[in-house]
Amino acid sequence: MNRPARIILGFVPLVILFAVVFWFSSNDSTRSSEQSGRVVEFIKDRFFSSAREMENPEDYRIFMDILTKAVRKGAHFSIYALMGAAAVGGLWFLKRKGLRYLSALGICCVYAITDEIHQSFVPGRSCEVRDVIIDTCGSALGGAVCIFIVWVLLLRKTAAAYSHSKNTSITEELS
C-alpha cells in the first residue's frame, strides 16, 4: 500500500470517533439523559444495590446526582481518550514524536471546542468549558497511553532482536 493511502487509512478510526461524538452531541437533553440514565441505573444496580435503602431521601438524591455526573463526565473523558489515541495513530507518519503528540492533542481540543459549540444549538444542551477541559485531558491521556504502548512494543521487538543476534553469535562461537 502506498504512503498516501496508509495516511488516509490511519485517520479512519479518528473520523469514526468524530462521527460518534457528533451523533451523541446531536441528541437533545431528554434523549441524552435517557442514554446516560440507563448506564447510571446499570452501575447503581450492579455495584451500589444498597443505595435505595439510604435512610434519608436527600442522601439518595445526592448519591444519584454524583453518580450521574461521574458517568457523563467519564463518558466524555473515555471517548476523547480513544480519540487521542486514534489521532496519534493517524499522525504516526510525522517523524517528530513531540509534534505528533501535540498535533493530536490540538486536533482533539479543537474538535472538543467545536463539539461544545455544536451542542449549544441542540435543544436543552449547553456549551461548557469544563467539558472541553475534560475532553482535552482525556485526549492527552489516550495519546500518551498510545505512545507508551508503541514504545513498549518497540522495546520488546528491539530486545528480542538483540537477544536473537546475541544467541546467534554465541552459537557461532561454540561451533
N, C-alpha and C. Protein backbone atom coordinates (compact mmCIF):
# COMPACT_ATOMS: atom_id res chain seq x y z
N MET A 1 0.85 -1.17 0.00
CA MET A 1 0.00 0.00 0.00
C MET A 1 0.91 1.24 0.00
N ASN A 2 0.54 2.22 -0.79
CA ASN A 2 1.38 3.41 -0.88
C ASN A 2 1.17 4.33 0.33
N ARG A 3 2.10 5.24 0.52
CA ARG A 3 2.11 6.10 1.71
C ARG A 3 0.84 6.96 1.84
N PRO A 4 0.36 7.64 0.79
CA PRO A 4 -0.87 8.44 0.94
C PRO A 4 -2.06 7.60 1.38
N ALA A 5 -2.17 6.39 0.84
CA ALA A 5 -3.29 5.52 1.24
C ALA A 5 -3.17 5.13 2.71
N ARG A 6 -1.94 4.83 3.17
CA ARG A 6 -1.73 4.48 4.58
C ARG A 6 -2.08 5.65 5.48
N ILE A 7 -1.73 6.85 5.06
CA ILE A 7 -2.03 8.04 5.86
C ILE A 7 -3.54 8.24 5.96
N ILE A 8 -4.23 8.11 4.84
CA ILE A 8 -5.69 8.27 4.83
C ILE A 8 -6.34 7.20 5.70
N LEU A 9 -5.93 5.95 5.56
CA LEU A 9 -6.50 4.87 6.37
C LEU A 9 -6.18 5.06 7.85
N GLY A 10 -5.04 5.69 8.15
CA GLY A 10 -4.68 5.94 9.54
C GLY A 10 -5.66 6.86 10.25
N PHE A 11 -6.36 7.69 9.48
CA PHE A 11 -7.32 8.62 10.08
C PHE A 11 -8.74 8.07 10.15
N VAL A 12 -9.00 6.90 9.60
CA VAL A 12 -10.35 6.34 9.60
C VAL A 12 -10.90 6.17 11.03
N PRO A 13 -10.14 5.58 11.98
CA PRO A 13 -10.69 5.47 13.34
C PRO A 13 -11.03 6.82 13.96
N LEU A 14 -10.21 7.82 13.70
CA LEU A 14 -10.47 9.16 14.24
C LEU A 14 -11.75 9.75 13.66
N VAL A 15 -11.94 9.61 12.37
CA VAL A 15 -13.14 10.13 11.72
C VAL A 15 -14.39 9.40 12.25
N ILE A 16 -14.28 8.11 12.47
CA ILE A 16 -15.41 7.35 13.03
C ILE A 16 -15.75 7.88 14.43
N LEU A 17 -14.72 8.12 15.25
CA LEU A 17 -14.97 8.67 16.59
C LEU A 17 -15.56 10.07 16.52
N PHE A 18 -15.12 10.88 15.56
CA PHE A 18 -15.72 12.20 15.36
C PHE A 18 -17.22 12.05 15.09
N ALA A 19 -17.57 11.10 14.23
CA ALA A 19 -18.98 10.88 13.88
C ALA A 19 -19.78 10.40 15.08
N VAL A 20 -19.20 9.52 15.87
CA VAL A 20 -19.89 9.01 17.07
C VAL A 20 -20.16 10.16 18.05
N VAL A 21 -19.14 10.97 18.30
CA VAL A 21 -19.31 12.10 19.21
C VAL A 21 -20.34 13.08 18.66
N PHE A 22 -20.29 13.34 17.37
CA PHE A 22 -21.28 14.25 16.75
C PHE A 22 -22.69 13.70 16.94
N TRP A 23 -22.85 12.40 16.75
CA TRP A 23 -24.18 11.78 16.90
C TRP A 23 -24.67 11.93 18.34
N PHE A 24 -23.82 11.62 19.32
CA PHE A 24 -24.23 11.76 20.72
C PHE A 24 -24.56 13.22 21.04
N SER A 25 -23.78 14.14 20.52
CA SER A 25 -24.00 15.56 20.79
C SER A 25 -25.25 16.10 20.11
N SER A 26 -25.72 15.41 19.09
CA SER A 26 -26.92 15.85 18.37
C SER A 26 -28.21 15.48 19.10
N ASN A 27 -28.10 14.61 20.09
CA ASN A 27 -29.29 14.22 20.85
C ASN A 27 -29.70 15.35 21.79
N ASP A 28 -31.01 15.62 21.85
CA ASP A 28 -31.47 16.66 22.76
C ASP A 28 -31.28 16.20 24.21
N SER A 29 -31.55 17.11 25.14
CA SER A 29 -31.27 16.82 26.55
C SER A 29 -32.06 15.62 27.07
N THR A 30 -33.28 15.44 26.58
CA THR A 30 -34.10 14.31 27.04
C THR A 30 -33.47 12.99 26.62
N ARG A 31 -33.13 12.90 25.37
CA ARG A 31 -32.51 11.67 24.84
C ARG A 31 -31.15 11.42 25.50
N SER A 32 -30.37 12.46 25.66
CA SER A 32 -29.06 12.33 26.28
C SER A 32 -29.19 11.84 27.73
N SER A 33 -30.16 12.39 28.45
CA SER A 33 -30.40 11.96 29.84
C SER A 33 -30.87 10.51 29.90
N GLU A 34 -31.68 10.10 28.93
CA GLU A 34 -32.13 8.71 28.89
C GLU A 34 -30.95 7.77 28.68
N GLN A 35 -30.06 8.14 27.75
CA GLN A 35 -28.90 7.30 27.46
C GLN A 35 -28.00 7.16 28.69
N SER A 36 -27.63 8.27 29.29
CA SER A 36 -26.76 8.19 30.46
C SER A 36 -27.52 7.59 31.64
N GLY A 37 -28.83 7.82 31.71
CA GLY A 37 -29.64 7.26 32.80
C GLY A 37 -29.62 5.74 32.82
N ARG A 38 -29.64 5.13 31.65
CA ARG A 38 -29.57 3.67 31.57
C ARG A 38 -28.24 3.16 32.13
N VAL A 39 -27.16 3.85 31.80
CA VAL A 39 -25.84 3.46 32.30
C VAL A 39 -25.78 3.66 33.82
N VAL A 40 -26.31 4.79 34.30
CA VAL A 40 -26.32 5.07 35.74
C VAL A 40 -27.11 3.99 36.48
N GLU A 41 -28.28 3.64 35.98
CA GLU A 41 -29.09 2.60 36.62
C GLU A 41 -28.38 1.26 36.64
N PHE A 42 -27.72 0.91 35.55
CA PHE A 42 -26.97 -0.35 35.50
C PHE A 42 -25.87 -0.36 36.56
N ILE A 43 -25.10 0.73 36.62
CA ILE A 43 -23.99 0.80 37.59
C ILE A 43 -24.54 0.77 39.02
N LYS A 44 -25.60 1.52 39.26
CA LYS A 44 -26.20 1.56 40.59
C LYS A 44 -26.69 0.17 41.00
N ASP A 45 -27.42 -0.48 40.11
CA ASP A 45 -27.96 -1.80 40.43
C ASP A 45 -26.87 -2.85 40.58
N ARG A 46 -25.83 -2.72 39.78
CA ARG A 46 -24.76 -3.71 39.78
C ARG A 46 -23.79 -3.55 40.95
N PHE A 47 -23.44 -2.30 41.25
CA PHE A 47 -22.39 -2.05 42.24
C PHE A 47 -22.85 -1.35 43.51
N PHE A 48 -24.00 -0.72 43.47
CA PHE A 48 -24.50 0.02 44.63
C PHE A 48 -25.95 -0.35 44.93
N SER A 49 -26.24 -1.64 44.97
CA SER A 49 -27.63 -2.08 45.13
C SER A 49 -28.24 -1.59 46.45
N SER A 50 -27.44 -1.32 47.46
CA SER A 50 -27.98 -0.87 48.74
C SER A 50 -28.28 0.63 48.75
N ALA A 51 -27.99 1.33 47.67
CA ALA A 51 -28.21 2.78 47.63
C ALA A 51 -29.67 3.14 47.85
N ARG A 52 -30.59 2.33 47.34
CA ARG A 52 -32.02 2.63 47.50
C ARG A 52 -32.46 2.58 48.96
N GLU A 53 -31.68 1.90 49.77
CA GLU A 53 -32.05 1.73 51.17
C GLU A 53 -31.51 2.85 52.06
N MET A 54 -30.97 3.88 51.46
CA MET A 54 -30.49 5.01 52.26
C MET A 54 -31.66 5.57 53.06
N GLU A 55 -31.40 5.89 54.32
CA GLU A 55 -32.46 6.36 55.21
C GLU A 55 -32.99 7.73 54.80
N ASN A 56 -32.12 8.58 54.36
CA ASN A 56 -32.50 9.94 54.02
C ASN A 56 -32.67 10.04 52.49
N PRO A 57 -33.86 10.39 52.01
CA PRO A 57 -34.07 10.52 50.56
C PRO A 57 -33.14 11.56 49.92
N GLU A 58 -32.77 12.57 50.68
CA GLU A 58 -31.86 13.60 50.17
C GLU A 58 -30.48 12.99 49.91
N ASP A 59 -30.04 12.07 50.77
CA ASP A 59 -28.76 11.38 50.56
C ASP A 59 -28.79 10.57 49.27
N TYR A 60 -29.93 9.92 49.01
CA TYR A 60 -30.08 9.13 47.79
C TYR A 60 -30.02 10.03 46.56
N ARG A 61 -30.70 11.17 46.64
CA ARG A 61 -30.68 12.13 45.51
C ARG A 61 -29.27 12.63 45.26
N ILE A 62 -28.55 12.96 46.32
CA ILE A 62 -27.16 13.44 46.17
C ILE A 62 -26.30 12.34 45.56
N PHE A 63 -26.46 11.12 46.07
CA PHE A 63 -25.71 9.98 45.53
C PHE A 63 -25.97 9.82 44.04
N MET A 64 -27.24 9.88 43.63
CA MET A 64 -27.59 9.70 42.22
C MET A 64 -27.06 10.86 41.37
N ASP A 65 -27.08 12.07 41.90
CA ASP A 65 -26.51 13.22 41.17
C ASP A 65 -25.02 13.02 40.94
N ILE A 66 -24.31 12.58 41.98
CA ILE A 66 -22.86 12.36 41.85
C ILE A 66 -22.58 11.24 40.86
N LEU A 67 -23.33 10.15 40.95
CA LEU A 67 -23.13 9.02 40.03
C LEU A 67 -23.43 9.44 38.59
N THR A 68 -24.50 10.21 38.40
CA THR A 68 -24.85 10.68 37.05
C THR A 68 -23.75 11.57 36.48
N LYS A 69 -23.24 12.50 37.29
CA LYS A 69 -22.14 13.37 36.82
C LYS A 69 -20.91 12.54 36.48
N ALA A 70 -20.59 11.56 37.34
CA ALA A 70 -19.41 10.73 37.10
C ALA A 70 -19.55 9.96 35.79
N VAL A 71 -20.74 9.43 35.52
CA VAL A 71 -20.96 8.68 34.28
C VAL A 71 -20.86 9.60 33.08
N ARG A 72 -21.50 10.75 33.14
CA ARG A 72 -21.50 11.66 32.00
C ARG A 72 -20.10 12.21 31.71
N LYS A 73 -19.40 12.63 32.75
CA LYS A 73 -18.05 13.18 32.55
C LYS A 73 -17.06 12.06 32.22
N GLY A 74 -17.29 10.88 32.78
CA GLY A 74 -16.46 9.73 32.45
C GLY A 74 -16.61 9.34 30.98
N ALA A 75 -17.82 9.48 30.46
CA ALA A 75 -18.05 9.20 29.03
C ALA A 75 -17.28 10.20 28.17
N HIS A 76 -17.33 11.47 28.56
CA HIS A 76 -16.54 12.49 27.83
C HIS A 76 -15.07 12.09 27.83
N PHE A 77 -14.54 11.84 29.02
CA PHE A 77 -13.12 11.55 29.16
C PHE A 77 -12.74 10.30 28.35
N SER A 78 -13.55 9.26 28.44
CA SER A 78 -13.23 7.99 27.80
C SER A 78 -13.23 8.07 26.28
N ILE A 79 -14.27 8.66 25.71
CA ILE A 79 -14.33 8.70 24.25
C ILE A 79 -13.24 9.61 23.69
N TYR A 80 -12.91 10.66 24.44
CA TYR A 80 -11.82 11.52 23.98
C TYR A 80 -10.45 10.87 24.21
N ALA A 81 -10.34 9.98 25.17
CA ALA A 81 -9.10 9.21 25.33
C ALA A 81 -8.90 8.33 24.10
N LEU A 82 -9.97 7.69 23.66
CA LEU A 82 -9.89 6.90 22.42
C LEU A 82 -9.55 7.80 21.24
N MET A 83 -10.15 8.97 21.23
CA MET A 83 -9.90 9.91 20.14
C MET A 83 -8.43 10.36 20.14
N GLY A 84 -7.87 10.60 21.32
CA GLY A 84 -6.47 10.99 21.42
C GLY A 84 -5.56 9.90 20.88
N ALA A 85 -5.86 8.65 21.23
CA ALA A 85 -5.07 7.52 20.72
C ALA A 85 -5.22 7.40 19.21
N ALA A 86 -6.45 7.57 18.71
CA ALA A 86 -6.69 7.48 17.27
C ALA A 86 -5.98 8.62 16.53
N ALA A 87 -5.96 9.80 17.13
CA ALA A 87 -5.29 10.93 16.49
C ALA A 87 -3.78 10.70 16.43
N VAL A 88 -3.21 10.18 17.51
CA VAL A 88 -1.77 9.86 17.49
C VAL A 88 -1.50 8.82 16.41
N GLY A 89 -2.37 7.81 16.34
CA GLY A 89 -2.20 6.78 15.31
C GLY A 89 -2.31 7.36 13.91
N GLY A 90 -3.24 8.25 13.71
CA GLY A 90 -3.41 8.87 12.40
C GLY A 90 -2.23 9.75 12.01
N LEU A 91 -1.59 10.32 13.02
CA LEU A 91 -0.45 11.21 12.76
C LEU A 91 0.89 10.49 12.86
N TRP A 92 0.86 9.17 12.86
CA TRP A 92 2.09 8.40 13.04
C TRP A 92 3.13 8.69 11.94
N PHE A 93 2.67 9.18 10.80
CA PHE A 93 3.60 9.48 9.71
C PHE A 93 4.52 10.65 10.05
N LEU A 94 4.15 11.46 11.04
CA LEU A 94 5.03 12.56 11.45
C LEU A 94 6.24 11.98 12.17
N LYS A 95 7.40 12.37 11.74
CA LYS A 95 8.64 11.80 12.29
C LYS A 95 8.93 12.29 13.70
N ARG A 96 8.64 13.56 13.97
CA ARG A 96 8.93 14.11 15.30
C ARG A 96 7.82 13.72 16.27
N LYS A 97 8.20 12.93 17.27
CA LYS A 97 7.22 12.39 18.22
C LYS A 97 6.48 13.49 18.98
N GLY A 98 7.20 14.52 19.38
CA GLY A 98 6.56 15.62 20.11
C GLY A 98 5.53 16.33 19.26
N LEU A 99 5.86 16.54 18.01
CA LEU A 99 4.93 17.19 17.08
C LEU A 99 3.71 16.30 16.86
N ARG A 100 3.95 15.01 16.76
CA ARG A 100 2.85 14.05 16.58
C ARG A 100 1.88 14.15 17.75
N TYR A 101 2.41 14.13 18.96
CA TYR A 101 1.56 14.17 20.16
C TYR A 101 0.84 15.51 20.28
N LEU A 102 1.57 16.60 20.13
CA LEU A 102 0.95 17.92 20.27
C LEU A 102 -0.07 18.19 19.18
N SER A 103 0.19 17.72 17.97
CA SER A 103 -0.77 17.88 16.88
C SER A 103 -2.04 17.08 17.17
N ALA A 104 -1.88 15.87 17.66
CA ALA A 104 -3.03 15.03 18.01
C ALA A 104 -3.85 15.71 19.11
N LEU A 105 -3.16 16.22 20.11
CA LEU A 105 -3.84 16.91 21.20
C LEU A 105 -4.57 18.15 20.69
N GLY A 106 -3.93 18.89 19.79
CA GLY A 106 -4.56 20.08 19.21
C GLY A 106 -5.81 19.74 18.42
N ILE A 107 -5.73 18.69 17.61
CA ILE A 107 -6.89 18.26 16.82
C ILE A 107 -8.05 17.91 17.75
N CYS A 108 -7.76 17.15 18.79
CA CYS A 108 -8.82 16.73 19.72
C CYS A 108 -9.39 17.91 20.49
N CYS A 109 -8.54 18.84 20.89
CA CYS A 109 -9.00 20.02 21.62
C CYS A 109 -9.91 20.88 20.73
N VAL A 110 -9.48 21.10 19.50
CA VAL A 110 -10.30 21.88 18.57
C VAL A 110 -11.64 21.18 18.33
N TYR A 111 -11.61 19.85 18.19
CA TYR A 111 -12.87 19.13 17.99
C TYR A 111 -13.76 19.26 19.22
N ALA A 112 -13.16 19.19 20.41
CA ALA A 112 -13.94 19.33 21.65
C ALA A 112 -14.62 20.70 21.69
N ILE A 113 -13.90 21.73 21.29
CA ILE A 113 -14.48 23.09 21.26
C ILE A 113 -15.63 23.15 20.27
N THR A 114 -15.41 22.63 19.06
CA THR A 114 -16.49 22.67 18.05
C THR A 114 -17.67 21.81 18.49
N ASP A 115 -17.39 20.71 19.19
CA ASP A 115 -18.48 19.86 19.68
C ASP A 115 -19.33 20.60 20.72
N GLU A 116 -18.68 21.32 21.61
CA GLU A 116 -19.45 22.08 22.61
C GLU A 116 -20.25 23.20 21.95
N ILE A 117 -19.67 23.85 20.95
CA ILE A 117 -20.41 24.88 20.23
C ILE A 117 -21.62 24.24 19.54
N HIS A 118 -21.41 23.09 18.92
CA HIS A 118 -22.50 22.35 18.27
C HIS A 118 -23.61 22.07 19.28
N GLN A 119 -23.25 21.61 20.48
CA GLN A 119 -24.25 21.29 21.50
C GLN A 119 -25.08 22.51 21.90
N SER A 120 -24.50 23.69 21.80
CA SER A 120 -25.25 24.89 22.19
C SER A 120 -26.44 25.14 21.27
N PHE A 121 -26.46 24.51 20.10
CA PHE A 121 -27.57 24.66 19.17
C PHE A 121 -28.59 23.53 19.29
N VAL A 122 -28.31 22.55 20.16
CA VAL A 122 -29.20 21.41 20.35
C VAL A 122 -30.12 21.72 21.53
N PRO A 123 -31.45 21.52 21.36
CA PRO A 123 -32.39 21.85 22.44
C PRO A 123 -32.03 21.19 23.78
N GLY A 124 -31.96 22.04 24.80
CA GLY A 124 -31.69 21.56 26.15
C GLY A 124 -30.23 21.28 26.46
N ARG A 125 -29.35 21.43 25.49
CA ARG A 125 -27.92 21.19 25.70
C ARG A 125 -27.22 22.53 25.83
N SER A 126 -25.99 22.48 26.33
CA SER A 126 -25.26 23.73 26.52
C SER A 126 -23.79 23.55 26.14
N CYS A 127 -23.11 24.67 26.03
CA CYS A 127 -21.69 24.72 25.71
C CYS A 127 -20.95 24.94 27.03
N GLU A 128 -20.12 23.98 27.44
CA GLU A 128 -19.45 24.09 28.73
C GLU A 128 -17.93 23.98 28.57
N VAL A 129 -17.23 24.97 29.06
CA VAL A 129 -15.77 24.98 29.02
C VAL A 129 -15.23 23.79 29.81
N ARG A 130 -15.90 23.45 30.91
CA ARG A 130 -15.48 22.31 31.73
C ARG A 130 -15.40 21.04 30.90
N ASP A 131 -16.35 20.83 30.00
CA ASP A 131 -16.34 19.64 29.16
C ASP A 131 -15.17 19.66 28.17
N VAL A 132 -14.83 20.84 27.66
CA VAL A 132 -13.66 20.94 26.77
C VAL A 132 -12.40 20.54 27.52
N ILE A 133 -12.30 20.97 28.77
CA ILE A 133 -11.13 20.63 29.59
C ILE A 133 -11.09 19.13 29.85
N ILE A 134 -12.22 18.54 30.20
CA ILE A 134 -12.29 17.08 30.44
C ILE A 134 -11.94 16.33 29.16
N ASP A 135 -12.50 16.77 28.04
CA ASP A 135 -12.22 16.12 26.75
C ASP A 135 -10.74 16.19 26.40
N THR A 136 -10.14 17.36 26.60
CA THR A 136 -8.74 17.54 26.27
C THR A 136 -7.85 16.70 27.18
N CYS A 137 -8.20 16.62 28.45
CA CYS A 137 -7.44 15.76 29.38
C CYS A 137 -7.55 14.29 28.96
N GLY A 138 -8.74 13.87 28.55
CA GLY A 138 -8.91 12.50 28.06
C GLY A 138 -8.04 12.26 26.83
N SER A 139 -8.02 13.22 25.92
CA SER A 139 -7.20 13.10 24.71
C SER A 139 -5.72 13.01 25.06
N ALA A 140 -5.31 13.83 26.02
CA ALA A 140 -3.90 13.82 26.43
C ALA A 140 -3.51 12.46 26.98
N LEU A 141 -4.36 11.89 27.82
CA LEU A 141 -4.05 10.58 28.40
C LEU A 141 -4.09 9.50 27.32
N GLY A 142 -5.12 9.50 26.48
CA GLY A 142 -5.22 8.49 25.42
C GLY A 142 -4.05 8.53 24.47
N GLY A 143 -3.64 9.73 24.07
CA GLY A 143 -2.47 9.86 23.19
C GLY A 143 -1.20 9.38 23.86
N ALA A 144 -1.03 9.72 25.14
CA ALA A 144 0.16 9.30 25.88
C ALA A 144 0.20 7.79 26.05
N VAL A 145 -0.95 7.20 26.35
CA VAL A 145 -1.01 5.73 26.50
C VAL A 145 -0.67 5.05 25.18
N CYS A 146 -1.19 5.59 24.08
CA CYS A 146 -0.89 5.03 22.76
C CYS A 146 0.62 5.06 22.49
N ILE A 147 1.23 6.20 22.74
CA ILE A 147 2.67 6.33 22.52
C ILE A 147 3.44 5.38 23.44
N PHE A 148 3.01 5.27 24.69
CA PHE A 148 3.68 4.38 25.64
C PHE A 148 3.59 2.93 25.20
N ILE A 149 2.42 2.50 24.75
CA ILE A 149 2.24 1.11 24.30
C ILE A 149 3.15 0.83 23.10
N VAL A 150 3.18 1.73 22.14
CA VAL A 150 4.05 1.54 20.97
C VAL A 150 5.51 1.49 21.41
N TRP A 151 5.89 2.37 22.34
CA TRP A 151 7.26 2.39 22.84
C TRP A 151 7.62 1.04 23.49
N VAL A 152 6.71 0.50 24.32
CA VAL A 152 6.96 -0.80 24.96
C VAL A 152 7.08 -1.90 23.91
N LEU A 153 6.20 -1.88 22.93
CA LEU A 153 6.27 -2.90 21.87
C LEU A 153 7.57 -2.80 21.09
N LEU A 154 8.01 -1.58 20.79
CA LEU A 154 9.28 -1.41 20.08
C LEU A 154 10.46 -1.86 20.94
N LEU A 155 10.41 -1.58 22.24
CA LEU A 155 11.47 -2.06 23.14
C LEU A 155 11.53 -3.58 23.15
N ARG A 156 10.36 -4.21 23.22
CA ARG A 156 10.32 -5.67 23.21
C ARG A 156 10.87 -6.23 21.91
N LYS A 157 10.51 -5.60 20.80
CA LYS A 157 10.98 -6.05 19.50
C LYS A 157 12.50 -5.88 19.41
N THR A 158 13.00 -4.74 19.87
CA THR A 158 14.44 -4.49 19.86
C THR A 158 15.17 -5.47 20.77
N ALA A 159 14.61 -5.71 21.95
CA ALA A 159 15.23 -6.66 22.89
C ALA A 159 15.24 -8.06 22.30
N ALA A 160 14.16 -8.45 21.65
CA ALA A 160 14.10 -9.79 21.04
C ALA A 160 15.12 -9.90 19.91
N ALA A 161 15.25 -8.85 19.10
CA ALA A 161 16.23 -8.87 18.01
C ALA A 161 17.64 -8.92 18.57
N TYR A 162 17.90 -8.16 19.63
CA TYR A 162 19.22 -8.16 20.25
C TYR A 162 19.52 -9.53 20.84
N SER A 163 18.54 -10.10 21.53
CA SER A 163 18.70 -11.42 22.13
C SER A 163 18.97 -12.47 21.05
N HIS A 164 18.23 -12.37 19.95
CA HIS A 164 18.41 -13.32 18.86
C HIS A 164 19.81 -13.19 18.26
N SER A 165 20.26 -11.96 18.03
CA SER A 165 21.59 -11.77 17.45
C SER A 165 22.68 -12.21 18.41
N LYS A 166 22.47 -12.00 19.70
CA LYS A 166 23.43 -12.42 20.71
C LYS A 166 23.50 -13.95 20.77
N ASN A 167 22.34 -14.61 20.73
CA ASN A 167 22.30 -16.07 20.73
C ASN A 167 22.95 -16.64 19.48
N THR A 168 22.75 -15.96 18.36
CA THR A 168 23.34 -16.42 17.11
C THR A 168 24.86 -16.34 17.20
N SER A 169 25.40 -15.21 17.75
CA SER A 169 26.85 -15.08 17.84
C SER A 169 27.42 -16.06 18.86
N ILE A 170 26.71 -16.41 19.92
CA ILE A 170 27.19 -17.41 20.88
C ILE A 170 27.21 -18.78 20.22
N THR A 171 26.18 -19.07 19.43
CA THR A 171 26.11 -20.35 18.72
C THR A 171 27.27 -20.46 17.73
N GLU A 172 27.58 -19.35 17.04
CA GLU A 172 28.70 -19.35 16.09
C GLU A 172 30.03 -19.56 16.80
N GLU A 173 30.19 -18.97 18.00
CA GLU A 173 31.42 -19.14 18.77
C GLU A 173 31.59 -20.58 19.21
N LEU A 174 30.50 -21.23 19.55
CA LEU A 174 30.57 -22.62 20.03
C LEU A 174 30.85 -23.58 18.89
N SER A 175 30.56 -23.20 17.65
CA SER A 175 30.75 -24.11 16.51
C SER A 175 32.18 -24.28 16.13
